[in-house]
Amino acid sequence: MLAIIKTGGKQYKVEKGDKIKIEKIKGKEGDKVIFEEVLLLGDDKKIKVGNPLVKAAKVEAKILKQTKNKKVWGIKHKPKKRYKVKFGHKQLATEIEITQIK
């Protein structure tokens, strides 16, 4: 069975046992998380598409670790003003494992 969930402004296609990295969510390692914003739920025989959400559908996951993504570099530059700034940013992320799709 597969589902499409929405979290952190993004949509993810997940199945039971998948490990994915998403935007940071509250919780500690080992905590259980429930995603109630399920957009699609289905398997080989039957598919339920939400309008916009599938009612009474939930996806349960376990937090594996809280981490940071790779550093992304950016540059600010103003021509003819001798202004140039290089900066970096590491986005916080959470790695989860899907345990159950209801």
Protein backbone atom coordinates (compact mmCIF):
# COMPACT_ATOMS: atom_id res chain seq x y z
CA MET A 1 0.00 0.00 0.00
CA LEU A 2 1.24 3.46 -0.83
CA ALA A 3 0.25 6.94 0.27
CA ILE A 4 1.07 10.52 -0.60
CA ILE A 5 1.44 12.70 2.49
CA LYS A 6 1.90 16.43 2.87
CA THR A 7 4.35 17.86 5.42
CA GLY A 8 6.53 20.94 5.51
CA GLY A 9 4.88 22.35 2.38
CA LYS A 10 6.00 19.36 0.31
CA GLN A 11 4.41 16.10 -0.80
CA TYR A 12 6.05 12.69 -0.35
CA LYS A 13 5.15 9.29 -1.82
CA VAL A 14 5.64 6.71 0.94
CA GLU A 15 5.20 3.00 1.53
CA LYS A 16 5.57 0.93 4.69
CA GLY A 17 9.24 0.61 5.63
CA ASP A 18 10.42 3.68 3.65
CA LYS A 19 13.03 5.95 5.23
CA ILE A 20 12.75 9.58 4.10
CA LYS A 21 14.23 12.93 5.10
CA ILE A 22 11.67 15.71 5.61
CA GLU A 23 11.57 19.26 6.98
CA LYS A 24 12.21 19.40 10.73
CA ILE A 25 9.29 18.35 12.93
CA LYS A 26 9.05 18.39 16.72
CA GLY A 27 10.04 15.24 18.57
CA LYS A 28 12.97 13.19 19.81
CA GLU A 29 14.59 10.11 18.36
CA GLY A 30 12.30 7.11 18.77
CA ASP A 31 9.09 9.18 19.04
CA LYS A 32 6.00 8.19 17.07
CA VAL A 33 4.56 10.73 14.61
CA ILE A 34 1.16 10.65 12.89
CA PHE A 35 0.59 12.38 9.55
CA GLU A 36 -3.10 13.13 9.00
CA GLU A 37 -2.72 15.11 5.77
CA VAL A 38 -3.00 12.16 3.37
CA LEU A 39 -3.68 13.18 -0.25
CA LEU A 40 -3.81 9.73 -1.88
CA LEU A 41 -4.13 6.20 -0.58
CA GLY A 42 -3.99 3.08 -2.70
CA ASP A 43 -2.64 -0.28 -3.71
CA ASP A 44 -2.70 -2.43 -6.88
CA LYS A 45 -6.50 -2.83 -6.89
CA LYS A 46 -8.04 0.28 -5.35
CA ILE A 47 -7.09 3.98 -5.12
CA LYS A 48 -8.64 6.70 -2.96
CA VAL A 49 -7.93 10.27 -4.02
CA GLY A 50 -8.71 13.01 -1.53
CA ASN A 51 -10.58 16.22 -2.19
CA PRO A 52 -8.17 17.63 -0.94
CA LEU A 53 -7.58 15.04 1.85
CA VAL A 54 -8.59 11.40 2.29
CA LYS A 55 -10.88 11.21 5.31
CA ALA A 56 -9.93 8.91 8.21
CA ALA A 57 -6.54 8.09 6.65
CA LYS A 58 -3.38 8.25 8.74
CA VAL A 59 0.28 7.44 8.23
CA GLU A 60 2.35 6.54 11.28
CA ALA A 61 6.12 6.99 11.39
CA LYS A 62 9.00 6.76 13.82
CA ILE A 63 11.66 9.49 14.12
CA LEU A 64 15.10 8.02 13.44
CA LYS A 65 17.19 11.17 13.93
CA GLN A 66 17.17 14.96 13.87
CA THR A 67 19.88 16.27 11.56
CA LYS A 68 20.97 19.05 9.18
CA ASN A 69 21.12 18.93 5.39
CA LYS A 70 24.24 19.79 3.39
CA LYS A 71 25.36 23.40 3.41
CA VAL A 72 24.01 25.60 0.62
CA TRP A 73 26.13 28.59 -0.37
CA GLY A 74 24.80 31.96 -1.50
CA ILE A 75 26.32 35.27 -2.56
CA LYS A 76 25.05 38.83 -2.22
CA HIS A 77 26.68 41.27 -4.65
CA LYS A 78 26.12 44.92 -5.52
CA PRO A 79 28.01 45.98 -8.62
CA LYS A 80 30.25 49.10 -8.51
CA LYS A 81 29.81 49.39 -4.72
CA ARG A 82 32.60 47.01 -3.58
CA TYR A 83 30.01 44.92 -1.72
CA LYS A 84 30.18 41.15 -1.80
CA VAL A 85 29.05 38.75 0.93
CA LYS A 86 29.23 34.97 0.81
CA PHE A 87 26.98 33.09 3.21
CA GLY A 88 26.01 29.50 3.97
CA HIS A 89 22.89 27.86 5.33
CA LYS A 90 22.17 24.39 6.73
CA GLN A 91 18.47 23.49 6.81
CA LEU A 92 17.26 21.41 9.75
CA ALA A 93 15.77 18.04 8.79
CA THR A 94 14.20 14.96 10.36
CA GLU A 95 14.78 11.41 9.15
CA ILE A 96 11.73 9.18 9.61
CA GLU A 97 10.72 5.58 8.90
CA ILE A 98 7.14 4.80 7.88
CA THR A 99 5.73 2.12 10.20
CA GLN A 100 2.05 1.89 9.26
CA ILE A 101 -0.50 3.19 6.75
CA LYS A 102 -4.14 3.16 7.94
